[in-house]
C-alpha cells in the first residue's frame, strides 16, 4: 500500500498554513509554536531546525522528542474523521495537530487546547 502523500510532504510547507489559519482568527505564531511544542516535545530551537531541514511529516513525528501523553484526550472530527478512531499512528498524530490548530482558530483558550 502506498503511503499517504502527507507523510512525504515537508512539515515546513504546511507550517505557514497553520500560522495563517491562526492569524486570520486573531491568534499568533507563538501560540501555534506552543501547540506544536506541547504535542511533540520539540524545543523552539528543535522545531526551527526541523523547519530549516524541510523534514517530512513522517520523520517530524517519528523524531519528536516526547509525544505528549495527554494528546489522547484530543477528541472530535477533523476532515470528516474522528481523530480518536484513526488507526494509523502517524496519521493520527497529524490529525491531532490539525485538530489543535482548529481549536486555536475557533478561539478556544490555550489552557483548554493544551488539555490542562
PDB file of N, CA and C in Angstrom:
ATOM      1  N   UNK A   1       0.839  -1.189   0.000  1.00  0.00           N
ATOM      2  CA  UNK A   1       0.000   0.000   0.000  1.00  0.00           C
ATOM      3  C   UNK A   1       0.882   1.250   0.000  1.00  0.00           C
ATOM      4  N   UNK A   2       0.574   2.182  -0.846  1.00  0.00           N
ATOM      5  CA  UNK A   2       1.348   3.423  -0.938  1.00  0.00           C
ATOM      6  C   UNK A   2       1.077   4.307   0.275  1.00  0.00           C
ATOM      7  N   UNK A   3       2.106   5.043   0.673  1.00  0.00           N
ATOM      8  CA  UNK A   3       1.953   5.983   1.785  1.00  0.00           C
ATOM      9  C   UNK A   3       1.094   7.151   1.347  1.00  0.00           C
ATOM     10  N   UNK A   4       0.340   7.681   2.298  1.00  0.00           N
ATOM     11  CA  UNK A   4      -0.429   8.890   2.027  1.00  0.00           C
ATOM     12  C   UNK A   4       0.551  10.009   1.700  1.00  0.00           C
ATOM     13  N   UNK A   5       0.207  10.866   0.763  1.00  0.00           N
ATOM     14  CA  UNK A   5       1.172  11.888   0.314  1.00  0.00           C
ATOM     15  C   UNK A   5       1.555  12.876   1.413  1.00  0.00           C
ATOM     16  N   UNK A   6       0.700  13.061   2.432  1.00  0.00           N
ATOM     17  CA  UNK A   6       1.066  13.996   3.512  1.00  0.00           C
ATOM     18  C   UNK A   6       2.325  13.532   4.236  1.00  0.00           C
ATOM     19  N   UNK A   7       2.561  12.226   4.298  1.00  0.00           N
ATOM     20  CA  UNK A   7       3.732  11.699   5.013  1.00  0.00           C
ATOM     21  C   UNK A   7       5.037  12.203   4.417  1.00  0.00           C
ATOM     22  N   UNK A   8       5.037  12.363   3.088  1.00  0.00           N
ATOM     23  CA  UNK A   8       6.263  12.768   2.414  1.00  0.00           C
ATOM     24  C   UNK A   8       6.340  14.282   2.189  1.00  0.00           C
ATOM     25  N   UNK A   9       5.276  14.995   2.513  1.00  0.00           N
ATOM     26  CA  UNK A   9       5.307  16.465   2.411  1.00  0.00           C
ATOM     27  C   UNK A   9       6.160  17.023   3.538  1.00  0.00           C
ATOM     28  N   UNK A  10       6.867  18.113   3.249  1.00  0.00           N
ATOM     29  CA  UNK A  10       7.670  18.701   4.318  1.00  0.00           C
ATOM     30  C   UNK A  10       6.752  19.418   5.304  1.00  0.00           C
ATOM     31  N   UNK A  11       7.071  19.260   6.571  1.00  0.00           N
ATOM     32  CA  UNK A  11       6.325  19.953   7.622  1.00  0.00           C
ATOM     33  C   UNK A  11       6.388  21.460   7.377  1.00  0.00           C
ATOM     34  N   UNK A  12       7.546  21.939   6.920  1.00  0.00           N
ATOM     35  CA  UNK A  12       7.742  23.377   6.672  1.00  0.00           C
ATOM     36  C   UNK A  12       6.808  23.905   5.585  1.00  0.00           C
ATOM     37  N   UNK A  13       6.371  23.055   4.669  1.00  0.00           N
ATOM     38  CA  UNK A  13       5.468  23.512   3.605  1.00  0.00           C
ATOM     39  C   UNK A  13       4.045  23.720   4.117  1.00  0.00           C
ATOM     40  N   UNK A  14       3.675  23.056   5.184  1.00  0.00           N
ATOM     41  CA  UNK A  14       2.324  23.167   5.739  1.00  0.00           C
ATOM     42  C   UNK A  14       2.289  24.156   6.911  1.00  0.00           C
ATOM     43  N   UNK A  15       3.394  24.280   7.593  1.00  0.00           N
ATOM     44  CA  UNK A  15       3.509  25.164   8.766  1.00  0.00           C
ATOM     45  C   UNK A  15       2.960  26.579   8.514  1.00  0.00           C
ATOM     46  N   UNK A  16       3.292  27.239   7.388  1.00  0.00           N
ATOM     47  CA  UNK A  16       2.737  28.587   7.166  1.00  0.00           C
ATOM     48  C   UNK A  16       1.206  28.602   7.106  1.00  0.00           C
ATOM     49  N   UNK A  17       0.615  27.486   6.676  1.00  0.00           N
ATOM     50  CA  UNK A  17      -0.853  27.399   6.632  1.00  0.00           C
ATOM     51  C   UNK A  17      -1.435  27.349   8.038  1.00  0.00           C
ATOM     52  N   UNK A  18      -0.749  26.656   8.944  1.00  0.00           N
ATOM     53  CA  UNK A  18      -1.180  26.652  10.347  1.00  0.00           C
ATOM     54  C   UNK A  18      -1.149  28.081  10.905  1.00  0.00           C
ATOM     55  N   UNK A  19      -0.045  28.783  10.618  1.00  0.00           N
ATOM     56  CA  UNK A  19       0.119  30.161  11.117  1.00  0.00           C
ATOM     57  C   UNK A  19      -0.967  31.061  10.525  1.00  0.00           C
ATOM     58  N   UNK A  20      -1.155  30.950   9.223  1.00  0.00           N
ATOM     59  CA  UNK A  20      -2.141  31.775   8.531  1.00  0.00           C
ATOM     60  C   UNK A  20      -3.545  31.542   9.085  1.00  0.00           C
ATOM     61  N   UNK A  21      -3.900  30.289   9.284  1.00  0.00           N
ATOM     62  CA  UNK A  21      -5.218  29.946   9.810  1.00  0.00           C
ATOM     63  C   UNK A  21      -5.417  30.580  11.184  1.00  0.00           C
ATOM     64  N   UNK A  22      -4.392  30.503  12.018  1.00  0.00           N
ATOM     65  CA  UNK A  22      -4.464  31.076  13.360  1.00  0.00           C
ATOM     66  C   UNK A  22      -4.548  32.609  13.306  1.00  0.00           C
ATOM     67  N   UNK A  23      -3.672  33.211  12.497  1.00  0.00           N
ATOM     68  CA  UNK A  23      -3.604  34.672  12.447  1.00  0.00           C
ATOM     69  C   UNK A  23      -4.872  35.292  11.864  1.00  0.00           C
ATOM     70  N   UNK A  24      -5.513  34.594  10.930  1.00  0.00           N
ATOM     71  CA  UNK A  24      -6.764  35.104  10.365  1.00  0.00           C
ATOM     72  C   UNK A  24      -7.841  35.228  11.441  1.00  0.00           C
ATOM     73  N   UNK A  25      -7.691  34.452  12.493  1.00  0.00           N
ATOM     74  CA  UNK A  25      -8.672  34.469  13.586  1.00  0.00           C
ATOM     75  C   UNK A  25      -8.144  35.205  14.815  1.00  0.00           C
ATOM     76  N   UNK A  26      -7.082  36.005  14.620  1.00  0.00           N
ATOM     77  CA  UNK A  26      -6.569  36.833  15.707  1.00  0.00           C
ATOM     78  C   UNK A  26      -5.650  36.118  16.682  1.00  0.00           C
ATOM     79  N   UNK A  27      -5.191  34.921  16.306  1.00  0.00           N
ATOM     80  CA  UNK A  27      -4.243  34.192  17.155  1.00  0.00           C
ATOM     81  C   UNK A  27      -2.834  34.424  16.616  1.00  0.00           C
ATOM     82  N   UNK A  28      -1.825  33.847  17.280  1.00  0.00           N
ATOM     83  CA  UNK A  28      -0.445  34.188  16.933  1.00  0.00           C
ATOM     84  C   UNK A  28       0.401  32.974  16.543  1.00  0.00           C
ATOM     85  N   UNK A  29       1.517  33.272  15.858  1.00  0.00           N
ATOM     86  CA  UNK A  29       2.517  32.251  15.536  1.00  0.00           C
ATOM     87  C   UNK A  29       3.055  31.632  16.822  1.00  0.00           C
ATOM     88  N   UNK A  30       3.249  32.462  17.853  1.00  0.00           N
ATOM     89  CA  UNK A  30       3.754  31.953  19.134  1.00  0.00           C
ATOM     90  C   UNK A  30       2.817  30.895  19.710  1.00  0.00           C
ATOM     91  N   UNK A  31       1.504  31.096  19.555  1.00  0.00           N
ATOM     92  CA  UNK A  31       0.541  30.102  20.054  1.00  0.00           C
ATOM     93  C   UNK A  31       0.608  28.822  19.222  1.00  0.00           C
ATOM     94  N   UNK A  32       0.767  28.958  17.915  1.00  0.00           N
ATOM     95  CA  UNK A  32       0.918  27.777  17.054  1.00  0.00           C
ATOM     96  C   UNK A  32       2.155  26.993  17.477  1.00  0.00           C
ATOM     97  N   UNK A  33       3.267  27.705  17.667  1.00  0.00           N
ATOM     98  CA  UNK A  33       4.505  27.045  18.085  1.00  0.00           C
ATOM     99  C   UNK A  33       4.346  26.366  19.437  1.00  0.00           C
ATOM    100  N   UNK A  34       3.645  27.027  20.361  1.00  0.00           N
ATOM    101  CA  UNK A  34       3.423  26.434  21.686  1.00  0.00           C
ATOM    102  C   UNK A  34       2.647  25.130  21.570  1.00  0.00           C
ATOM    103  N   UNK A  35       1.637  25.118  20.713  1.00  0.00           N
ATOM    104  CA  UNK A  35       0.848  23.897  20.489  1.00  0.00           C
ATOM    105  C   UNK A  35       1.733  22.788  19.927  1.00  0.00           C
ATOM    106  N   UNK A  36       2.557  23.117  18.937  1.00  0.00           N
ATOM    107  CA  UNK A  36       3.433  22.109  18.327  1.00  0.00           C
ATOM    108  C   UNK A  36       4.428  21.580  19.355  1.00  0.00           C
ATOM    109  N   UNK A  37       4.997  22.482  20.146  1.00  0.00           N
ATOM    110  CA  UNK A  37       5.954  22.047  21.184  1.00  0.00           C
ATOM    111  C   UNK A  37       5.263  21.170  22.228  1.00  0.00           C
ATOM    112  N   UNK A  38       4.050  21.547  22.620  1.00  0.00           N
ATOM    113  CA  UNK A  38       3.285  20.760  23.604  1.00  0.00           C
ATOM    114  C   UNK A  38       3.029  19.344  23.068  1.00  0.00           C
ATOM    115  N   UNK A  39       2.623  19.264  21.803  1.00  0.00           N
ATOM    116  CA  UNK A  39       2.263  17.973  21.212  1.00  0.00           C
ATOM    117  C   UNK A  39       3.479  17.072  21.006  1.00  0.00           C
ATOM    118  N   UNK A  40       4.597  17.652  20.592  1.00  0.00           N
ATOM    119  CA  UNK A  40       5.740  16.854  20.135  1.00  0.00           C
ATOM    120  C   UNK A  40       6.917  16.777  21.097  1.00  0.00           C
ATOM    121  N   UNK A  41       7.033  17.749  21.991  1.00  0.00           N
ATOM    122  CA  UNK A  41       8.181  17.789  22.883  1.00  0.00           C
ATOM    123  C   UNK A  41       9.395  18.484  22.288  1.00  0.00           C
ATOM    124  N   UNK A  42       9.277  18.984  21.050  1.00  0.00           N
ATOM    125  CA  UNK A  42      10.382  19.749  20.474  1.00  0.00           C
ATOM    126  C   UNK A  42      10.559  21.056  21.247  1.00  0.00           C
ATOM    127  N   UNK A  43      11.800  21.481  21.415  1.00  0.00           N
ATOM    128  CA  UNK A  43      12.056  22.836  21.922  1.00  0.00           C
ATOM    129  C   UNK A  43      11.836  23.788  20.741  1.00  0.00           C
ATOM    130  N   UNK A  44      11.802  25.083  21.011  1.00  0.00           N
ATOM    131  CA  UNK A  44      11.642  26.042  19.909  1.00  0.00           C
ATOM    132  C   UNK A  44      12.791  25.916  18.912  1.00  0.00           C
ATOM    133  N   UNK A  45      14.000  25.739  19.430  1.00  0.00           N
ATOM    134  CA  UNK A  45      15.168  25.606  18.557  1.00  0.00           C
ATOM    135  C   UNK A  45      15.074  24.330  17.707  1.00  0.00           C
ATOM    136  N   UNK A  46      14.640  23.223  18.318  1.00  0.00           N
ATOM    137  CA  UNK A  46      14.491  21.962  17.577  1.00  0.00           C
ATOM    138  C   UNK A  46      13.400  22.086  16.517  1.00  0.00           C
ATOM    139  N   UNK A  47      12.305  22.766  16.868  1.00  0.00           N
ATOM    140  CA  UNK A  47      11.223  22.988  15.903  1.00  0.00           C
ATOM    141  C   UNK A  47      11.744  23.780  14.707  1.00  0.00           C
ATOM    142  N   UNK A  48      12.469  24.855  14.978  1.00  0.00           N
ATOM    143  CA  UNK A  48      13.015  25.687  13.905  1.00  0.00           C
ATOM    144  C   UNK A  48      14.006  24.904  13.041  1.00  0.00           C
ATOM    145  N   UNK A  49      14.767  24.009  13.659  1.00  0.00           N
ATOM    146  CA  UNK A  49      15.698  23.156  12.910  1.00  0.00           C
ATOM    147  C   UNK A  49      14.934  22.206  11.981  1.00  0.00           C
ATOM    148  N   UNK A  50      13.844  21.619  12.472  1.00  0.00           N
ATOM    149  CA  UNK A  50      13.017  20.736  11.629  1.00  0.00           C
ATOM    150  C   UNK A  50      12.465  21.515  10.431  1.00  0.00           C
ATOM    151  N   UNK A  51      12.069  22.752  10.668  1.00  0.00           N
ATOM    152  CA  UNK A  51      11.567  23.594   9.582  1.00  0.00           C
ATOM    153  C   UNK A  51      12.684  23.890   8.572  1.00  0.00           C
ATOM    154  N   UNK A  52      13.866  24.229   9.073  1.00  0.00           N
ATOM    155  CA  UNK A  52      15.008  24.518   8.196  1.00  0.00           C
ATOM    156  C   UNK A  52      15.381  23.305   7.344  1.00  0.00           C
ATOM    157  N   UNK A  53      15.328  22.122   7.957  1.00  0.00           N
ATOM    158  CA  UNK A  53      15.723  20.886   7.264  1.00  0.00           C
ATOM    159  C   UNK A  53      14.652  20.392   6.291  1.00  0.00           C
ATOM    160  N   UNK A  54      13.469  21.043   6.307  1.00  0.00           N
ATOM    161  CA  UNK A  54      12.365  20.617   5.434  1.00  0.00           C
ATOM    162  C   UNK A  54      11.964  19.161   5.708  1.00  0.00           C
ATOM    163  N   UNK A  55      11.992  18.791   6.974  1.00  0.00           N
ATOM    164  CA  UNK A  55      11.653  17.428   7.400  1.00  0.00           C
ATOM    165  C   UNK A  55      10.234  17.061   6.965  1.00  0.00           C
ATOM    166  N   UNK A  56      10.074  15.838   6.461  1.00  0.00           N
ATOM    167  CA  UNK A  56       8.717  15.409   6.086  1.00  0.00           C
ATOM    168  C   UNK A  56       7.907  15.075   7.340  1.00  0.00           C
ATOM    169  N   UNK A  57       6.587  15.019   7.178  1.00  0.00           N
ATOM    170  CA  UNK A  57       5.699  14.791   8.317  1.00  0.00           C
ATOM    171  C   UNK A  57       6.008  13.492   9.049  1.00  0.00           C
ATOM    172  N   UNK A  58       6.248  12.428   8.294  1.00  0.00           N
ATOM    173  CA  UNK A  58       6.516  11.132   8.914  1.00  0.00           C
ATOM    174  C   UNK A  58       7.745  11.217   9.828  1.00  0.00           C
ATOM    175  N   UNK A  59       8.815  11.810   9.327  1.00  0.00           N
ATOM    176  CA  UNK A  59      10.035  11.961  10.112  1.00  0.00           C
ATOM    177  C   UNK A  59       9.833  12.940  11.267  1.00  0.00           C
ATOM    178  N   UNK A  60       9.104  14.014  11.012  1.00  0.00           N
ATOM    179  CA  UNK A  60       8.843  15.025  12.038  1.00  0.00           C
ATOM    180  C   UNK A  60       8.236  14.377  13.285  1.00  0.00           C
ATOM    181  N   UNK A  61       7.231  13.532  13.083  1.00  0.00           N
ATOM    182  CA  UNK A  61       6.604  12.870  14.230  1.00  0.00           C
ATOM    183  C   UNK A  61       7.437  11.701  14.752  1.00  0.00           C
ATOM    184  N   UNK A  62       8.125  10.984  13.868  1.00  0.00           N
ATOM    185  CA  UNK A  62       8.977   9.865  14.299  1.00  0.00           C
ATOM    186  C   UNK A  62      10.120  10.361  15.181  1.00  0.00           C
ATOM    187  N   UNK A  63      10.650  11.550  14.900  1.00  0.00           N
ATOM    188  CA  UNK A  63      11.774  12.102  15.653  1.00  0.00           C
ATOM    189  C   UNK A  63      11.341  12.995  16.816  1.00  0.00           C
ATOM    190  N   UNK A  64      10.051  13.146  17.011  1.00  0.00           N
ATOM    191  CA  UNK A  64       9.563  14.013  18.100  1.00  0.00           C
ATOM    192  C   UNK A  64      10.143  13.528  19.428  1.00  0.00           C
ATOM    193  N   UNK A  65      10.738  14.438  20.185  1.00  0.00           N
ATOM    194  CA  UNK A  65      11.412  14.032  21.434  1.00  0.00           C
ATOM    195  C   UNK A  65      10.490  13.360  22.452  1.00  0.00           C
ATOM    196  N   UNK A  66       9.266  13.869  22.597  1.00  0.00           N
ATOM    197  CA  UNK A  66       8.367  13.319  23.618  1.00  0.00           C
ATOM    198  C   UNK A  66       6.929  13.655  23.239  1.00  0.00           C
ATOM    199  N   UNK A  67       6.258  12.741  22.555  1.00  0.00           N
ATOM    200  CA  UNK A  67       4.852  12.980  22.243  1.00  0.00           C
ATOM    201  C   UNK A  67       4.074  13.071  23.551  1.00  0.00           C
ATOM    202  N   UNK A  68       3.260  14.100  23.671  1.00  0.00           N
ATOM    203  CA  UNK A  68       2.566  14.375  24.926  1.00  0.00           C
ATOM    204  C   UNK A  68       1.539  13.279  25.225  1.00  0.00           C
ATOM    205  N   UNK A  69       1.620  12.708  26.411  1.00  0.00           N
ATOM    206  CA  UNK A  69       0.690  11.629  26.769  1.00  0.00           C
ATOM    207  C   UNK A  69      -0.752  12.122  26.851  1.00  0.00           C
ATOM    208  N   UNK A  70      -0.955  13.410  27.059  1.00  0.00           N
ATOM    209  CA  UNK A  70      -2.315  13.972  27.127  1.00  0.00           C
ATOM    210  C   UNK A  70      -2.954  14.130  25.750  1.00  0.00           C
ATOM    211  N   UNK A  71      -2.202  13.865  24.682  1.00  0.00           N
ATOM    212  CA  UNK A  71      -2.764  14.027  23.345  1.00  0.00           C
ATOM    213  C   UNK A  71      -3.926  13.078  23.095  1.00  0.00           C
ATOM    214  N   UNK A  72      -3.985  11.982  23.841  1.00  0.00           N
ATOM    215  CA  UNK A  72      -5.097  11.040  23.668  1.00  0.00           C
ATOM    216  C   UNK A  72      -6.417  11.635  24.168  1.00  0.00           C
ATOM    217  N   UNK A  73      -6.341  12.770  24.860  1.00  0.00           N
ATOM    218  CA  UNK A  73      -7.553  13.466  25.300  1.00  0.00           C
ATOM    219  C   UNK A  73      -8.159  14.296  24.171  1.00  0.00           C
ATOM    220  N   UNK A  74      -7.440  14.425  23.065  1.00  0.00           N
ATOM    221  CA  UNK A  74      -7.940  15.190  21.914  1.00  0.00           C
ATOM    222  C   UNK A  74      -9.004  14.347  21.227  1.00  0.00           C
ATOM    223  N   UNK A  75     -10.194  14.906  21.159  1.00  0.00           N
ATOM    224  CA  UNK A  75     -11.335  14.202  20.563  1.00  0.00           C
ATOM    225  C   UNK A  75     -11.989  15.123  19.539  1.00  0.00           C
ATOM    226  N   UNK A  76     -12.745  14.543  18.648  1.00  0.00           N
ATOM    227  CA  UNK A  76     -13.501  15.337  17.697  1.00  0.00           C
ATOM    228  C   UNK A  76     -13.229  14.935  16.265  1.00  0.00           C
ATOM    229  N   UNK A  77     -13.862  15.684  15.364  1.00  0.00           N
ATOM    230  CA  UNK A  77     -13.816  15.362  13.942  1.00  0.00           C
ATOM    231  C   UNK A  77     -12.910  16.352  13.222  1.00  0.00           C
ATOM    232  N   UNK A  78     -12.049  15.815  12.383  1.00  0.00           N
ATOM    233  CA  UNK A  78     -11.210  16.634  11.507  1.00  0.00           C
ATOM    234  C   UNK A  78     -11.241  15.967  10.134  1.00  0.00           C
ATOM    235  N   UNK A  79     -11.512  16.727   9.109  1.00  0.00           N
ATOM    236  CA  UNK A  79     -11.616  16.177   7.747  1.00  0.00           C
ATOM    237  C   UNK A  79     -12.627  15.027   7.687  1.00  0.00           C
ATOM    238  N   UNK A  80     -13.691  15.145   8.454  1.00  0.00           N
ATOM    239  CA  UNK A  80     -14.758  14.150   8.425  1.00  0.00           C
ATOM    240  C   UNK A  80     -14.465  12.854   9.159  1.00  0.00           C
ATOM    241  N   UNK A  81     -13.357  12.804   9.887  1.00  0.00           N
ATOM    242  CA  UNK A  81     -12.968  11.580  10.597  1.00  0.00           C
ATOM    243  C   UNK A  81     -12.732  11.905  12.070  1.00  0.00           C
ATOM    244  N   UNK A  82     -13.197  11.023  12.952  1.00  0.00           N
ATOM    245  CA  UNK A  82     -12.961  11.209  14.388  1.00  0.00           C
ATOM    246  C   UNK A  82     -11.489  10.906  14.677  1.00  0.00           C
ATOM    247  N   UNK A  83     -10.771  11.875  15.247  1.00  0.00           N
ATOM    248  CA  UNK A  83      -9.331  11.687  15.468  1.00  0.00           C
ATOM    249  C   UNK A  83      -9.035  10.511  16.386  1.00  0.00           C
ATOM    250  N   UNK A  84      -9.903  10.293  17.354  1.00  0.00           N
ATOM    251  CA  UNK A  84      -9.649   9.202  18.306  1.00  0.00           C
ATOM    252  C   UNK A  84      -9.836   7.820  17.686  1.00  0.00           C
ATOM    253  N   UNK A  85     -10.424   7.747  16.486  1.00  0.00           N
ATOM    254  CA  UNK A  85     -10.660   6.459  15.825  1.00  0.00           C
ATOM    255  C   UNK A  85      -9.659   6.162  14.706  1.00  0.00           C
ATOM    256  N   UNK A  86      -8.730   7.068  14.450  1.00  0.00           N
ATOM    257  CA  UNK A  86      -7.744   6.851  13.386  1.00  0.00           C
ATOM    258  C   UNK A  86      -6.774   5.755  13.842  1.00  0.00           C
ATOM    259  N   UNK A  87      -6.634   4.732  13.018  1.00  0.00           N
ATOM    260  CA  UNK A  87      -5.823   3.566  13.394  1.00  0.00           C
ATOM    261  C   UNK A  87      -4.339   3.754  13.100  1.00  0.00           C
ATOM    262  N   UNK A  88      -4.017   4.451  12.017  1.00  0.00           N
ATOM    263  CA  UNK A  88      -2.625   4.606  11.603  1.00  0.00           C
ATOM    264  C   UNK A  88      -1.965   5.663  12.493  1.00  0.00           C
ATOM    265  N   UNK A  89      -0.926   5.298  13.249  1.00  0.00           N
ATOM    266  CA  UNK A  89      -0.355   6.204  14.256  1.00  0.00           C
ATOM    267  C   UNK A  89       0.141   7.548  13.717  1.00  0.00           C
ATOM    268  N   UNK A  90       0.853   7.547  12.597  1.00  0.00           N
ATOM    269  CA  UNK A  90       1.373   8.821  12.084  1.00  0.00           C
ATOM    270  C   UNK A  90       0.233   9.721  11.624  1.00  0.00           C
ATOM    271  N   UNK A  91      -0.751   9.153  10.943  1.00  0.00           N
ATOM    272  CA  UNK A  91      -1.901   9.948  10.505  1.00  0.00           C
ATOM    273  C   UNK A  91      -2.640  10.511  11.723  1.00  0.00           C
ATOM    274  N   UNK A  92      -2.747   9.722  12.775  1.00  0.00           N
ATOM    275  CA  UNK A  92      -3.416  10.208  13.980  1.00  0.00           C
ATOM    276  C   UNK A  92      -2.663  11.396  14.577  1.00  0.00           C
ATOM    277  N   UNK A  93      -1.334  11.335  14.599  1.00  0.00           N
ATOM    278  CA  UNK A  93      -0.547  12.459  15.130  1.00  0.00           C
ATOM    279  C   UNK A  93      -0.770  13.718  14.288  1.00  0.00           C
ATOM    280  N   UNK A  94      -0.774  13.553  12.969  1.00  0.00           N
ATOM    281  CA  UNK A  94      -1.008  14.686  12.066  1.00  0.00           C
ATOM    282  C   UNK A  94      -2.380  15.288  12.329  1.00  0.00           C
ATOM    283  N   UNK A  95      -3.372  14.440  12.487  1.00  0.00           N
ATOM    284  CA  UNK A  95      -4.742  14.921  12.709  1.00  0.00           C
ATOM    285  C   UNK A  95      -4.911  15.522  14.105  1.00  0.00           C
ATOM    286  N   UNK A  96      -4.179  15.008  15.089  1.00  0.00           N
ATOM    287  CA  UNK A  96      -4.181  15.658  16.405  1.00  0.00           C
ATOM    288  C   UNK A  96      -3.733  17.107  16.254  1.00  0.00           C
ATOM    289  N   UNK A  97      -2.648  17.310  15.514  1.00  0.00           N
ATOM    290  CA  UNK A  97      -2.137  18.659  15.315  1.00  0.00           C
ATOM    291  C   UNK A  97      -3.161  19.511  14.569  1.00  0.00           C
ATOM    292  N   UNK A  98      -3.764  18.957  13.521  1.00  0.00           N
ATOM    293  CA  UNK A  98      -4.800  19.694  12.786  1.00  0.00           C
ATOM    294  C   UNK A  98      -5.929  20.123  13.712  1.00  0.00           C
ATOM    295  N   UNK A  99      -6.349  19.211  14.573  1.00  0.00           N
ATOM    296  CA  UNK A  99      -7.451  19.492  15.500  1.00  0.00           C
ATOM    297  C   UNK A  99      -7.072  20.601  16.473  1.00  0.00           C
ATOM    298  N   UNK A 100      -5.851  20.564  16.996  1.00  0.00           N
ATOM    299  CA  UNK A 100      -5.410  21.600  17.930  1.00  0.00           C
ATOM    300  C   UNK A 100      -5.366  22.971  17.250  1.00  0.00           C
ATOM    301  N   UNK A 101      -4.899  23.017  16.013  1.00  0.00           N
ATOM    302  CA  UNK A 101      -4.863  24.287  15.277  1.00  0.00           C
ATOM    303  C   UNK A 101      -6.284  24.778  15.008  1.00  0.00           C
ATOM    304  N   UNK A 102      -7.189  23.866  14.702  1.00  0.00           N
ATOM    305  CA  UNK A 102      -8.601  24.235  14.536  1.00  0.00           C
ATOM    306  C   UNK A 102      -9.165  24.849  15.815  1.00  0.00           C
ATOM    307  N   UNK A 103      -8.867  24.215  16.935  1.00  0.00           N
ATOM    308  CA  UNK A 103      -9.361  24.732  18.217  1.00  0.00           C
ATOM    309  C   UNK A 103      -8.817  26.131  18.471  1.00  0.00           C
ATOM    310  N   UNK A 104      -7.547  26.350  18.143  1.00  0.00           N
ATOM    311  CA  UNK A 104      -6.943  27.669  18.300  1.00  0.00           C
ATOM    312  C   UNK A 104      -7.686  28.692  17.437  1.00  0.00           C
ATOM    313  N   UNK A 105      -7.909  28.336  16.180  1.00  0.00           N
ATOM    314  CA  UNK A 105      -8.579  29.244  15.244  1.00  0.00           C
ATOM    315  C   UNK A 105     -10.027  29.516  15.649  1.00  0.00           C
ATOM    316  N   UNK A 106     -10.629  28.598  16.375  1.00  0.00           N
ATOM    317  CA  UNK A 106     -12.011  28.789  16.822  1.00  0.00           C
ATOM    318  C   UNK A 106     -12.096  29.584  18.123  1.00  0.00           C
ATOM    319  N   UNK A 107     -10.942  30.026  18.620  1.00  0.00           N
ATOM    320  CA  UNK A 107     -10.947  30.901  19.785  1.00  0.00           C
ATOM    321  C   UNK A 107     -10.884  30.211  21.131  1.00  0.00           C
ATOM    322  N   UNK A 108     -10.628  28.920  21.121  1.00  0.00           N
ATOM    323  CA  UNK A 108     -10.539  28.185  22.381  1.00  0.00           C
ATOM    324  C   UNK A 108      -9.340  28.670  23.203  1.00  0.00           C
ATOM    325  N   UNK A 109      -9.485  28.708  24.511  1.00  0.00           N
ATOM    326  CA  UNK A 109      -8.397  29.137  25.396  1.00  0.00           C
ATOM    327  C   UNK A 109      -7.244  28.142  25.333  1.00  0.00           C
ATOM    328  N   UNK A 110      -6.010  28.674  25.411  1.00  0.00           N
ATOM    329  CA  UNK A 110      -4.823  27.802  25.344  1.00  0.00           C
ATOM    330  C   UNK A 110      -4.850  26.719  26.425  1.00  0.00           C
ATOM    331  N   UNK A 111      -5.336  27.037  27.620  1.00  0.00           N
ATOM    332  CA  UNK A 111      -5.381  26.033  28.697  1.00  0.00           C
ATOM    333  C   UNK A 111      -6.233  24.839  28.283  1.00  0.00           C
ATOM    334  N   UNK A 112      -7.321  25.108  27.567  1.00  0.00           N
ATOM    335  CA  UNK A 112      -8.190  24.023  27.113  1.00  0.00           C
ATOM    336  C   UNK A 112      -7.545  23.269  25.942  1.00  0.00           C
ATOM    337  N   UNK A 113      -6.935  24.017  25.018  1.00  0.00           N
ATOM    338  CA  UNK A 113      -6.287  23.375  23.861  1.00  0.00           C
ATOM    339  C   UNK A 113      -5.180  22.431  24.350  1.00  0.00           C
ATOM    340  N   UNK A 114      -4.424  22.887  25.345  1.00  0.00           N
ATOM    341  CA  UNK A 114      -3.302  22.077  25.853  1.00  0.00           C
ATOM    342  C   UNK A 114      -3.721  21.091  26.941  1.00  0.00           C
ATOM    343  N   UNK A 115      -5.036  20.919  27.047  1.00  0.00           N
ATOM    344  CA  UNK A 115      -5.599  19.916  27.962  1.00  0.00           C
ATOM    345  C   UNK A 115      -5.065  20.031  29.375  1.00  0.00           C
ATOM    346  N   UNK A 116      -5.020  21.264  29.897  1.00  0.00           N
ATOM    347  CA  UNK A 116      -4.527  21.487  31.265  1.00  0.00           C
ATOM    348  C   UNK A 116      -5.649  21.395  32.266  1.00  0.00           C
TER     349      UNK A 116
END
